[in-house]
N, C-alpha and C. Protein backbone atom coordinates (compact mmCIF):
# COMPACT_ATOMS: atom_id res chain seq x y z
N MET A 1 0.90 -1.20 0.06
CA MET A 1 0.09 -0.24 -0.11
C MET A 1 0.88 1.27 -0.01
N LYS A 2 0.50 2.21 -0.88
CA LYS A 2 1.47 3.42 -1.06
C LYS A 2 1.25 4.27 0.24
N ASN A 3 2.27 4.87 0.72
CA ASN A 3 2.20 5.81 1.59
C ASN A 3 1.34 6.99 1.29
N ASN A 4 0.73 7.74 2.30
CA ASN A 4 -0.13 8.98 2.11
C ASN A 4 0.92 10.20 1.58
N LEU A 5 0.46 10.77 0.80
CA LEU A 5 1.33 12.09 0.26
C LEU A 5 0.75 13.35 1.10
N THR A 6 1.94 14.23 1.05
CA THR A 6 1.54 15.54 1.84
C THR A 6 0.81 16.36 0.65
N GLU A 7 0.11 17.39 0.93
CA GLU A 7 -0.64 18.20 -0.23
C GLU A 7 0.42 18.80 -1.13
N LYS A 8 1.60 19.11 -0.65
CA LYS A 8 2.66 19.75 -1.78
C LYS A 8 3.03 18.46 -2.66
N GLN A 9 3.12 17.29 -2.08
CA GLN A 9 3.54 16.32 -3.21
C GLN A 9 2.41 15.84 -3.85
N LYS A 10 1.10 16.05 -3.33
CA LYS A 10 0.04 15.67 -4.43
C LYS A 10 0.13 16.82 -5.35
N MET A 11 0.17 18.13 -5.06
CA MET A 11 0.31 18.97 -6.16
C MET A 11 1.41 18.92 -7.19
N ALA A 12 2.45 18.36 -6.74
CA ALA A 12 3.71 18.15 -7.58
C ALA A 12 3.15 16.98 -8.57
N LEU A 13 2.63 15.93 -7.90
CA LEU A 13 2.11 14.75 -8.76
C LEU A 13 1.04 15.19 -9.75
N SER A 14 0.23 15.98 -9.37
CA SER A 14 -0.87 16.42 -10.17
C SER A 14 -0.42 17.40 -11.25
N ALA A 15 0.60 18.19 -10.92
CA ALA A 15 1.07 19.21 -11.93
C ALA A 15 1.87 18.20 -13.06
N ILE A 16 2.80 17.34 -12.74
CA ILE A 16 3.35 16.41 -13.57
C ILE A 16 2.31 15.66 -14.48
N SER A 17 1.47 15.19 -13.88
CA SER A 17 0.37 14.51 -14.87
C SER A 17 -0.49 15.22 -15.61
N ASP A 18 -0.83 16.46 -15.19
CA ASP A 18 -1.33 17.47 -15.99
C ASP A 18 -0.64 17.96 -17.26
N TYR A 19 0.82 18.19 -16.98
CA TYR A 19 1.46 18.69 -18.12
C TYR A 19 1.64 17.59 -19.25
N ILE A 20 1.83 16.27 -18.51
CA ILE A 20 1.97 15.01 -19.52
C ILE A 20 0.83 15.11 -20.55
N LYS A 21 -0.46 15.17 -19.78
CA LYS A 21 -1.56 15.02 -20.57
C LYS A 21 -1.83 16.13 -21.47
N LYS A 22 -1.30 17.30 -21.25
CA LYS A 22 -1.27 18.50 -22.30
C LYS A 22 -0.34 18.35 -23.21
N TYR A 23 0.91 18.17 -22.91
CA TYR A 23 2.07 18.24 -24.03
C TYR A 23 2.44 16.95 -24.38
N GLY A 24 2.11 15.80 -23.75
CA GLY A 24 2.55 14.49 -24.24
C GLY A 24 4.05 14.18 -23.85
N LEU A 25 4.71 15.10 -22.86
CA LEU A 25 6.07 14.89 -22.19
C LEU A 25 5.98 15.40 -20.94
N SER A 26 6.93 15.01 -20.19
CA SER A 26 7.10 15.35 -18.78
C SER A 26 7.88 16.67 -18.79
N PRO A 27 7.43 17.36 -17.76
CA PRO A 27 8.02 18.84 -17.56
C PRO A 27 9.34 18.61 -17.22
N THR A 28 10.36 19.87 -17.25
CA THR A 28 11.67 19.90 -16.91
C THR A 28 11.64 20.18 -15.56
N LEU A 29 12.67 20.14 -14.78
CA LEU A 29 12.77 20.59 -13.25
C LEU A 29 12.28 22.02 -13.27
N ASP A 30 12.74 23.01 -14.26
CA ASP A 30 12.53 24.28 -14.04
C ASP A 30 11.02 24.60 -14.39
N GLU A 31 10.49 23.97 -15.26
CA GLU A 31 8.99 24.10 -15.64
C GLU A 31 8.08 23.63 -14.49
N LEU A 32 8.46 22.46 -13.92
CA LEU A 32 7.87 22.06 -12.69
C LEU A 32 7.84 23.06 -11.50
N ARG A 33 9.09 23.76 -11.28
CA ARG A 33 9.34 24.65 -10.48
C ARG A 33 8.52 25.90 -10.75
N LYS A 34 8.35 26.39 -11.67
CA LYS A 34 7.30 27.56 -12.30
C LYS A 34 5.82 26.94 -11.85
N LEU A 35 5.44 25.97 -12.30
CA LEU A 35 4.08 25.32 -12.06
C LEU A 35 3.78 25.43 -10.54
N LEU A 36 4.71 25.03 -9.80
CA LEU A 36 4.45 24.99 -8.35
C LEU A 36 4.76 26.02 -7.55
N LYS A 37 5.24 27.10 -8.40
CA LYS A 37 5.66 28.51 -7.86
C LYS A 37 6.55 28.26 -6.53
N LEU A 38 7.50 27.51 -6.86
CA LEU A 38 8.72 27.44 -5.94
C LEU A 38 9.93 28.30 -6.35
N ASN A 39 10.65 28.71 -5.50
CA ASN A 39 11.95 29.63 -5.75
C ASN A 39 13.07 28.94 -6.23
N ALA A 40 13.35 27.60 -5.76
CA ALA A 40 14.46 26.72 -6.22
C ALA A 40 14.28 25.58 -6.72
N ILE A 41 15.18 24.97 -7.50
CA ILE A 41 15.09 23.70 -8.30
C ILE A 41 15.17 22.78 -7.10
N SER A 42 15.95 22.96 -6.02
CA SER A 42 16.15 21.96 -4.99
C SER A 42 15.04 21.62 -4.15
N SER A 43 13.80 22.75 -4.03
CA SER A 43 12.67 22.40 -3.53
C SER A 43 11.85 21.21 -4.42
N VAL A 44 12.00 21.42 -5.85
CA VAL A 44 11.36 20.41 -6.71
C VAL A 44 11.94 19.01 -6.52
N GLN A 45 13.41 19.03 -6.46
CA GLN A 45 13.99 17.93 -6.38
C GLN A 45 13.54 16.90 -4.89
N ARG A 46 13.35 17.84 -3.89
CA ARG A 46 12.92 17.37 -2.62
C ARG A 46 11.58 16.53 -2.83
N HIS A 47 10.78 17.23 -3.33
CA HIS A 47 9.44 16.61 -3.76
C HIS A 47 9.43 15.49 -4.35
N LEU A 48 10.29 15.44 -5.56
CA LEU A 48 10.59 14.28 -6.55
C LEU A 48 11.25 13.15 -5.64
N SER A 49 11.99 13.45 -4.88
CA SER A 49 12.83 12.41 -4.21
C SER A 49 11.68 11.69 -3.11
N ALA A 50 10.73 12.38 -2.57
CA ALA A 50 9.76 11.84 -1.69
C ALA A 50 8.88 10.94 -2.54
N LEU A 51 8.35 11.63 -3.73
CA LEU A 51 7.48 10.69 -4.54
C LEU A 51 8.01 9.50 -5.08
N LYS A 52 9.47 9.49 -5.30
CA LYS A 52 10.13 8.15 -5.71
C LYS A 52 10.24 7.26 -4.66
N LYS A 53 10.45 7.74 -3.43
CA LYS A 53 10.41 6.75 -2.31
C LYS A 53 9.29 6.18 -1.97
N LYS A 54 8.11 6.81 -2.34
CA LYS A 54 6.77 6.33 -2.07
C LYS A 54 6.11 5.54 -3.22
N GLY A 55 6.99 5.37 -4.47
CA GLY A 55 6.55 4.53 -5.66
C GLY A 55 5.75 5.11 -6.51
N TYR A 56 5.56 6.64 -6.49
CA TYR A 56 4.85 7.31 -7.39
C TYR A 56 5.39 7.63 -8.72
N LEU A 57 6.64 7.61 -8.96
CA LEU A 57 7.24 8.12 -10.05
C LEU A 57 8.74 7.50 -9.95
N THR A 58 9.39 7.62 -11.19
CA THR A 58 10.82 7.28 -11.50
C THR A 58 11.40 8.53 -12.38
N THR A 59 12.69 8.72 -12.19
CA THR A 59 13.31 9.68 -12.99
C THR A 59 14.47 9.21 -13.62
N GLU A 60 14.85 9.41 -14.81
CA GLU A 60 15.86 9.12 -15.58
C GLU A 60 17.19 10.08 -15.45
N LYS A 61 18.19 9.42 -15.00
CA LYS A 61 19.27 10.41 -14.90
C LYS A 61 19.66 10.97 -16.39
N ASN A 62 20.32 12.29 -16.21
CA ASN A 62 21.15 12.96 -17.22
C ASN A 62 19.81 13.16 -18.49
N LYS A 63 18.52 13.24 -18.11
CA LYS A 63 17.57 13.43 -19.03
C LYS A 63 16.70 14.42 -18.62
N SER A 64 16.43 15.81 -19.42
CA SER A 64 15.81 16.83 -18.82
C SER A 64 14.35 16.55 -18.74
N ARG A 65 13.71 15.58 -19.40
CA ARG A 65 12.27 15.10 -19.31
C ARG A 65 12.44 13.77 -18.91
N GLY A 66 12.88 13.54 -17.93
CA GLY A 66 12.92 11.92 -17.34
C GLY A 66 11.90 11.84 -16.38
N ILE A 67 11.05 12.50 -16.00
CA ILE A 67 10.14 12.26 -14.83
C ILE A 67 9.01 11.29 -15.36
N LYS A 68 8.77 10.17 -14.69
CA LYS A 68 7.72 9.11 -15.33
C LYS A 68 6.94 8.79 -14.02
N PRO A 69 5.59 9.18 -13.95
CA PRO A 69 4.70 8.71 -13.01
C PRO A 69 4.78 7.17 -13.04
N GLN A 70 4.32 6.51 -11.98
CA GLN A 70 4.15 5.01 -11.86
C GLN A 70 2.84 4.60 -11.67
N ILE A 71 1.78 5.57 -11.45
CA ILE A 71 0.49 5.13 -11.39
C ILE A 71 -0.44 6.11 -12.05
N ASP A 72 -1.55 5.75 -12.23
CA ASP A 72 -2.65 6.58 -12.86
C ASP A 72 -3.36 7.20 -11.38
N ILE A 73 -2.94 8.70 -11.35
CA ILE A 73 -3.74 9.10 -10.10
C ILE A 73 -5.24 9.41 -10.24
N GLY A 74 -5.67 9.23 -11.41
CA GLY A 74 -7.10 9.64 -11.69
C GLY A 74 -7.45 10.91 -12.18
N GLU A 75 -8.60 11.38 -12.26
CA GLU A 75 -9.04 12.69 -12.81
C GLU A 75 -8.97 13.36 -11.38
N ILE A 76 -8.28 14.49 -11.51
CA ILE A 76 -7.98 15.48 -10.45
C ILE A 76 -8.90 16.72 -10.48
N VAL A 77 -9.54 16.98 -9.40
CA VAL A 77 -10.17 18.37 -9.26
C VAL A 77 -9.64 19.29 -8.10
N ASN A 78 -9.78 20.50 -8.62
CA ASN A 78 -9.18 21.61 -7.45
C ASN A 78 -10.32 21.91 -6.89
N ILE A 79 -10.05 21.93 -5.42
CA ILE A 79 -11.05 22.34 -4.55
C ILE A 79 -10.64 23.58 -3.79
N PRO A 80 -11.37 24.63 -3.76
CA PRO A 80 -10.87 25.76 -3.20
C PRO A 80 -10.52 25.76 -1.57
N LEU A 81 -9.50 26.14 -1.17
CA LEU A 81 -9.25 26.55 0.43
C LEU A 81 -9.75 27.73 0.63
N VAL A 82 -10.78 27.86 1.50
CA VAL A 82 -11.54 29.08 1.66
C VAL A 82 -10.85 29.89 3.10
N GLY A 83 -10.51 31.08 3.01
CA GLY A 83 -9.91 31.63 4.04
C GLY A 83 -11.21 32.24 5.10
N ASN A 84 -11.29 33.62 5.08
CA ASN A 84 -12.11 34.14 5.78
C ASN A 84 -13.58 34.04 5.13
N ILE A 85 -14.53 33.77 6.04
CA ILE A 85 -15.94 33.61 5.63
C ILE A 85 -16.65 34.84 6.49
N ALA A 86 -17.51 35.48 5.69
CA ALA A 86 -18.20 36.71 6.36
C ALA A 86 -19.62 36.66 5.97
N CYS A 87 -20.39 37.13 6.92
CA CYS A 87 -21.93 37.15 6.58
C CYS A 87 -22.15 37.94 5.37
N GLY A 88 -22.87 37.50 4.50
CA GLY A 88 -23.33 38.20 3.36
C GLY A 88 -22.30 38.24 2.17
N VAL A 89 -21.28 37.47 2.42
CA VAL A 89 -20.26 37.31 1.18
C VAL A 89 -20.17 35.95 0.64
N PRO A 90 -20.58 35.69 -0.48
CA PRO A 90 -20.73 34.32 -1.08
C PRO A 90 -19.61 33.38 -0.69
N LEU A 91 -19.76 32.20 -0.23
CA LEU A 91 -18.73 31.27 0.28
C LEU A 91 -17.62 31.40 -0.74
N MET A 92 -17.98 31.21 -1.99
CA MET A 92 -16.92 30.92 -2.98
C MET A 92 -16.38 32.22 -3.69
N ALA A 93 -16.57 33.38 -3.06
CA ALA A 93 -16.32 34.62 -3.59
C ALA A 93 -14.79 34.60 -3.76
N GLU A 94 -14.23 35.30 -4.62
CA GLU A 94 -12.74 35.19 -4.93
C GLU A 94 -12.04 35.80 -3.81
N GLU A 95 -12.59 36.66 -3.13
CA GLU A 95 -11.79 37.32 -1.94
C GLU A 95 -11.65 36.27 -0.80
N ASN A 96 -12.47 35.21 -0.80
CA ASN A 96 -12.36 34.20 0.15
C ASN A 96 -11.26 33.25 0.06
N ILE A 97 -11.09 33.06 -1.36
CA ILE A 97 -10.32 31.87 -1.81
C ILE A 97 -8.69 32.01 -1.80
N GLU A 98 -7.99 31.27 -0.81
CA GLU A 98 -6.69 31.29 -0.56
C GLU A 98 -5.80 30.66 -1.59
N ALA A 99 -6.31 29.44 -1.99
CA ALA A 99 -5.52 28.50 -2.78
C ALA A 99 -6.43 27.53 -3.29
N TYR A 100 -6.04 26.52 -4.17
CA TYR A 100 -6.63 25.30 -4.52
C TYR A 100 -5.80 24.16 -4.05
N ILE A 101 -6.61 23.01 -3.45
CA ILE A 101 -6.03 21.76 -3.22
C ILE A 101 -6.62 20.66 -4.22
N PRO A 102 -5.74 19.95 -5.04
CA PRO A 102 -6.18 19.06 -5.83
C PRO A 102 -6.50 17.75 -5.24
N VAL A 103 -7.68 17.20 -5.59
CA VAL A 103 -8.36 15.98 -4.92
C VAL A 103 -8.76 15.04 -5.97
N LYS A 104 -8.71 13.73 -5.68
CA LYS A 104 -9.13 12.74 -6.64
C LYS A 104 -10.71 12.89 -6.97
N LYS A 105 -11.07 13.01 -8.11
CA LYS A 105 -12.62 13.12 -8.25
C LYS A 105 -13.34 11.97 -7.67
N ALA A 106 -12.77 10.91 -7.88
CA ALA A 106 -13.40 9.66 -7.41
C ALA A 106 -13.65 9.62 -5.74
N LYS A 107 -12.78 10.42 -5.10
CA LYS A 107 -12.93 10.48 -3.90
C LYS A 107 -14.28 11.24 -3.47
N LEU A 108 -14.87 12.04 -4.22
CA LEU A 108 -15.81 12.85 -3.90
C LEU A 108 -17.30 12.14 -4.43
N THR A 109 -18.38 12.52 -3.99
CA THR A 109 -19.72 12.16 -4.23
C THR A 109 -20.45 13.48 -4.79
N GLY A 110 -21.19 13.47 -5.75
CA GLY A 110 -22.09 14.39 -6.17
C GLY A 110 -21.13 15.52 -6.95
N ASP A 111 -21.78 16.78 -7.08
CA ASP A 111 -21.20 17.78 -7.70
C ASP A 111 -19.80 18.16 -7.01
N THR A 112 -18.74 18.28 -7.58
CA THR A 112 -17.44 18.69 -7.05
C THR A 112 -17.46 20.26 -6.68
N SER A 113 -18.30 20.92 -7.21
CA SER A 113 -18.39 22.39 -6.81
C SER A 113 -18.92 22.71 -5.56
N HIS A 114 -19.33 21.61 -4.82
CA HIS A 114 -20.21 21.69 -3.59
C HIS A 114 -19.26 21.38 -2.51
N TYR A 115 -17.80 21.28 -2.69
CA TYR A 115 -16.79 21.16 -1.82
C TYR A 115 -15.88 22.39 -1.60
N PHE A 116 -15.43 22.51 -0.42
CA PHE A 116 -14.37 23.29 -0.19
C PHE A 116 -13.36 22.86 1.03
N PHE A 117 -12.15 23.49 1.23
CA PHE A 117 -11.53 23.08 2.32
C PHE A 117 -11.38 24.41 3.27
N LEU A 118 -11.13 24.16 4.57
CA LEU A 118 -10.93 25.21 5.54
C LEU A 118 -9.60 24.53 6.40
N ARG A 119 -8.96 25.51 6.72
CA ARG A 119 -7.69 25.16 7.64
C ARG A 119 -8.09 25.23 9.05
N ALA A 120 -7.92 24.22 9.80
CA ALA A 120 -8.30 24.02 11.16
C ALA A 120 -7.32 24.93 11.97
N ILE A 121 -8.11 25.63 12.97
CA ILE A 121 -7.20 26.57 13.76
C ILE A 121 -7.42 25.97 15.21
N GLY A 122 -6.45 25.76 16.01
CA GLY A 122 -6.69 25.59 17.45
C GLY A 122 -6.84 24.01 17.51
N ASP A 123 -7.27 23.68 18.93
CA ASP A 123 -7.32 22.42 19.24
C ASP A 123 -8.75 22.00 19.91
N SER A 124 -9.72 22.70 19.24
CA SER A 124 -11.14 22.47 19.84
C SER A 124 -11.62 21.10 19.32
N MET A 125 -11.01 20.45 18.26
CA MET A 125 -11.54 19.33 17.55
C MET A 125 -10.44 17.98 17.45
N ASP A 126 -9.59 18.27 18.18
CA ASP A 126 -8.31 17.43 18.23
C ASP A 126 -8.60 15.80 18.56
N LEU A 127 -9.67 15.59 19.19
CA LEU A 127 -10.22 14.34 19.74
C LEU A 127 -10.83 13.66 18.53
N ALA A 128 -11.43 14.55 17.52
CA ALA A 128 -12.06 13.86 16.57
C ALA A 128 -11.05 13.86 15.27
N GLY A 129 -9.67 14.00 15.54
CA GLY A 129 -8.78 13.74 14.53
C GLY A 129 -8.39 15.18 13.73
N ILE A 130 -8.90 16.16 14.10
CA ILE A 130 -8.79 17.44 13.49
C ILE A 130 -7.72 18.29 14.29
N ASP A 131 -6.56 18.42 13.83
CA ASP A 131 -5.62 19.17 14.57
C ASP A 131 -5.32 20.47 14.02
N ASN A 132 -4.68 21.53 14.57
CA ASN A 132 -4.37 22.77 14.24
C ASN A 132 -3.50 22.63 13.03
N GLY A 133 -3.96 23.42 12.04
CA GLY A 133 -3.31 23.36 10.80
C GLY A 133 -3.63 22.38 9.63
N ASP A 134 -4.43 21.26 10.17
CA ASP A 134 -4.98 20.56 9.17
C ASP A 134 -5.90 21.06 8.06
N PHE A 135 -5.87 20.37 6.89
CA PHE A 135 -7.20 20.90 5.98
C PHE A 135 -8.32 19.99 6.11
N VAL A 136 -9.42 20.48 6.43
CA VAL A 136 -10.61 19.98 6.61
C VAL A 136 -11.65 20.07 5.22
N LEU A 137 -12.00 18.88 4.67
CA LEU A 137 -12.78 19.00 3.37
C LEU A 137 -14.37 18.93 3.69
N VAL A 138 -14.86 20.09 3.27
CA VAL A 138 -16.45 20.31 3.66
C VAL A 138 -17.30 20.08 2.74
N LYS A 139 -18.10 19.53 2.83
CA LYS A 139 -19.37 19.37 1.69
C LYS A 139 -20.42 20.52 2.04
N LYS A 140 -20.81 21.51 1.00
CA LYS A 140 -21.84 22.41 1.32
C LYS A 140 -23.11 21.83 1.64
N THR A 141 -23.84 22.47 2.73
CA THR A 141 -25.10 22.11 2.94
C THR A 141 -25.66 23.11 4.12
N ASN A 142 -26.80 23.43 4.13
CA ASN A 142 -27.38 24.33 5.02
C ASN A 142 -27.98 23.52 6.04
N TYR A 143 -27.96 22.28 6.21
CA TYR A 143 -28.52 21.54 7.28
C TYR A 143 -27.82 20.51 7.68
N ALA A 144 -28.00 19.90 8.74
CA ALA A 144 -27.12 18.80 9.26
C ALA A 144 -27.83 17.86 10.11
N ASN A 145 -27.45 16.54 10.13
CA ASN A 145 -28.07 15.56 11.20
C ASN A 145 -27.42 15.55 12.44
N VAL A 146 -28.24 15.39 13.49
CA VAL A 146 -27.76 15.52 14.86
C VAL A 146 -26.45 14.51 14.90
N GLY A 147 -25.32 14.98 15.54
CA GLY A 147 -24.18 14.03 15.79
C GLY A 147 -23.30 14.26 14.79
N SER A 148 -23.50 15.00 13.61
CA SER A 148 -22.41 15.40 12.61
C SER A 148 -21.63 16.37 12.91
N ARG A 149 -20.48 16.52 12.36
CA ARG A 149 -19.57 17.51 12.48
C ARG A 149 -19.82 18.51 11.34
N ILE A 150 -20.02 19.91 11.82
CA ILE A 150 -20.62 20.81 10.88
C ILE A 150 -19.43 21.85 10.86
N VAL A 151 -19.56 22.91 9.80
CA VAL A 151 -18.78 24.10 9.86
C VAL A 151 -20.09 25.12 10.06
N ALA A 152 -20.09 25.97 11.01
CA ALA A 152 -21.35 26.91 11.48
C ALA A 152 -20.63 28.22 11.45
N LEU A 153 -21.22 29.20 10.81
CA LEU A 153 -20.79 30.67 10.82
C LEU A 153 -21.40 31.26 11.95
N ILE A 154 -20.44 31.66 12.87
CA ILE A 154 -20.93 32.29 14.10
C ILE A 154 -20.23 33.91 14.08
N GLY A 155 -21.16 34.91 13.69
CA GLY A 155 -20.65 36.24 13.32
C GLY A 155 -19.91 36.07 11.98
N ASN A 156 -18.52 36.43 12.07
CA ASN A 156 -17.56 36.40 10.82
C ASN A 156 -16.77 35.35 10.94
N GLU A 157 -16.82 34.55 11.88
CA GLU A 157 -15.91 33.20 12.09
C GLU A 157 -16.65 31.90 11.71
N ALA A 158 -15.82 31.18 11.03
CA ALA A 158 -16.23 29.70 10.79
C ALA A 158 -15.74 28.97 11.71
N THR A 159 -16.54 28.16 12.24
CA THR A 159 -16.21 27.15 13.55
C THR A 159 -16.69 25.63 13.30
N ILE A 160 -15.71 24.78 13.66
CA ILE A 160 -15.99 23.35 13.22
C ILE A 160 -16.58 22.67 14.68
N LYS A 161 -17.55 22.20 14.78
CA LYS A 161 -18.17 21.43 15.95
C LYS A 161 -19.09 20.42 15.57
N LYS A 162 -19.24 19.70 16.52
CA LYS A 162 -20.27 18.55 16.54
C LYS A 162 -21.62 18.97 17.02
N TYR A 163 -22.61 18.80 16.02
CA TYR A 163 -23.90 19.55 16.03
C TYR A 163 -24.92 18.59 16.98
N THR A 164 -25.39 19.16 17.90
CA THR A 164 -26.28 18.43 18.87
C THR A 164 -27.52 19.16 19.13
N LEU A 165 -28.41 18.65 19.94
CA LEU A 165 -29.76 19.33 20.33
C LEU A 165 -29.77 19.04 21.78
N GLU A 166 -30.24 20.24 22.68
CA GLU A 166 -30.43 19.89 24.17
C GLU A 166 -31.56 20.81 24.55
N LYS A 167 -32.55 20.17 24.92
CA LYS A 167 -33.64 21.02 25.47
C LYS A 167 -34.00 22.08 24.79
N GLY A 168 -34.33 22.08 23.52
CA GLY A 168 -34.81 23.04 22.55
C GLY A 168 -33.70 24.05 22.17
N ALA A 169 -32.47 23.74 22.54
CA ALA A 169 -31.38 24.53 22.03
C ALA A 169 -30.45 23.70 21.10
N ILE A 170 -29.79 24.72 20.25
CA ILE A 170 -28.68 24.07 19.35
C ILE A 170 -27.43 23.89 20.20
N LYS A 171 -26.92 22.92 20.40
CA LYS A 171 -25.54 22.73 21.31
C LYS A 171 -24.36 22.08 20.30
N LEU A 172 -23.38 23.16 20.12
CA LEU A 172 -22.27 22.81 19.27
C LEU A 172 -21.22 22.53 20.20
N VAL A 173 -20.79 21.09 20.17
CA VAL A 173 -19.83 20.58 21.23
C VAL A 173 -18.52 20.54 20.53
N PRO A 174 -17.48 21.09 21.32
CA PRO A 174 -16.10 20.69 20.83
C PRO A 174 -15.68 19.22 21.29
N GLU A 175 -14.68 18.54 20.31
CA GLU A 175 -14.30 17.36 20.76
C GLU A 175 -12.81 17.55 21.11
N SER A 176 -12.43 17.81 22.49
CA SER A 176 -11.02 18.26 22.49
C SER A 176 -10.40 17.78 23.90
N SER A 177 -9.28 17.69 23.77
CA SER A 177 -8.53 17.24 25.10
C SER A 177 -8.43 18.43 26.02
N ASN A 178 -8.59 19.70 25.37
CA ASN A 178 -8.30 21.07 26.17
C ASN A 178 -9.70 21.34 26.82
N PRO A 179 -9.52 21.39 28.35
CA PRO A 179 -10.78 21.80 29.05
C PRO A 179 -11.18 23.05 28.93
N LYS A 180 -10.35 24.09 28.22
CA LYS A 180 -10.76 25.33 28.08
C LYS A 180 -11.94 25.51 26.95
N ASN A 181 -11.86 24.45 26.00
CA ASN A 181 -12.87 24.40 25.00
C ASN A 181 -14.20 24.00 25.43
N LYS A 182 -15.19 25.02 25.17
CA LYS A 182 -16.57 24.61 26.05
C LYS A 182 -17.50 24.62 24.65
N PRO A 183 -18.76 23.91 25.14
CA PRO A 183 -19.75 23.82 24.19
C PRO A 183 -20.67 25.42 23.85
N LEU A 184 -21.19 25.46 22.92
CA LEU A 184 -21.89 26.76 22.57
C LEU A 184 -23.27 26.52 22.24
N TYR A 185 -24.16 27.22 23.11
CA TYR A 185 -25.72 27.08 23.04
C TYR A 185 -26.13 28.16 22.24
N PHE A 186 -27.20 27.94 21.13
CA PHE A 186 -27.99 28.88 20.52
C PHE A 186 -29.43 28.50 20.71
N PHE A 187 -30.14 29.65 20.80
CA PHE A 187 -31.56 29.20 21.09
C PHE A 187 -32.41 29.84 19.68
N GLU A 188 -31.79 30.01 18.69
CA GLU A 188 -32.45 30.31 17.42
C GLU A 188 -31.40 29.65 16.36
N ASP A 189 -31.94 29.64 15.32
CA ASP A 189 -31.24 28.79 14.06
C ASP A 189 -30.01 29.74 13.85
N ILE A 190 -29.05 28.51 13.59
CA ILE A 190 -27.61 29.08 13.13
C ILE A 190 -27.29 28.89 11.57
N ILE A 191 -26.23 29.61 11.12
CA ILE A 191 -25.93 29.37 9.83
C ILE A 191 -25.09 28.37 9.55
N ILE A 192 -25.50 27.13 9.01
CA ILE A 192 -24.62 26.10 8.60
C ILE A 192 -24.05 26.29 7.30
N GLN A 193 -22.66 26.08 7.10
CA GLN A 193 -21.97 26.28 5.90
C GLN A 193 -21.73 24.92 5.15
N GLY A 194 -21.73 23.73 6.04
CA GLY A 194 -21.53 22.48 5.45
C GLY A 194 -20.97 21.44 6.61
N THR A 195 -20.95 20.29 6.00
CA THR A 195 -20.57 19.13 7.00
C THR A 195 -19.16 18.69 6.62
N VAL A 196 -18.56 18.12 7.64
CA VAL A 196 -17.13 17.66 7.46
C VAL A 196 -17.20 16.43 6.67
N TYR A 197 -16.50 16.18 5.61
CA TYR A 197 -16.33 15.11 4.82
C TYR A 197 -15.14 14.42 4.81
N ASP A 198 -14.22 14.90 5.09
CA ASP A 198 -12.73 14.30 5.27
C ASP A 198 -11.84 15.38 5.89
N VAL A 199 -10.48 14.86 6.36
CA VAL A 199 -9.47 15.63 6.87
C VAL A 199 -8.27 15.15 6.31
N ILE A 200 -7.59 16.17 5.68
CA ILE A 200 -6.22 15.79 5.20
C ILE A 200 -5.23 16.36 6.24
N LYS A 201 -4.25 15.48 6.78
CA LYS A 201 -3.39 16.01 7.77
C LYS A 201 -2.32 16.85 7.16
N ASN A 202 -1.96 17.94 7.87
CA ASN A 202 -0.83 18.96 7.47
C ASN A 202 0.39 18.45 8.22
N LYS A 203 1.25 17.95 7.47
CA LYS A 203 2.46 17.19 7.88
C LYS A 203 3.67 18.19 8.01
N ASN A 204 3.48 19.42 7.43
CA ASN A 204 4.68 20.37 7.47
C ASN A 204 5.15 20.78 8.54
């Protein structure tokens, strides 16, 4: 079984695959550096070395276009990484999008435009496997089932919590090892942006 890839390694592999599909040959190190918006060739070589160790590609020595993917990574879609979410501003508004993270289309269900990523901040969901800096894949919806993990908009801040009900109130529960993180109670409807679909660990 192949090791999991970091987001930067996925982006490198996706860039190589897209380039080959478009031009029929592999990119040079400098072309790949530009595609990945890196400053140095050494950074490209580091990603390629990791991908070789994990069995995703081979490289031919003394050949400028010697990068060869070893597996079909499938159709890739770019899912937006959303930064600040504000009331009244469309979720996918350009000013909200920080970057894009490539994801295998086969991993998603339904319309791929209904997904977005948030970067987790803090430790309020660490017991649910969501740590500070992780990338949380969210499927857009304005409702949720009790017990699901949701992204709720509280003021101008998006928060990830477990959605529960208690005595007529909406209770958003942290799943945290830190006792400072407390539940939030709401006695009127809240704005639900989506439900947690997956988590990609940030290993950097």
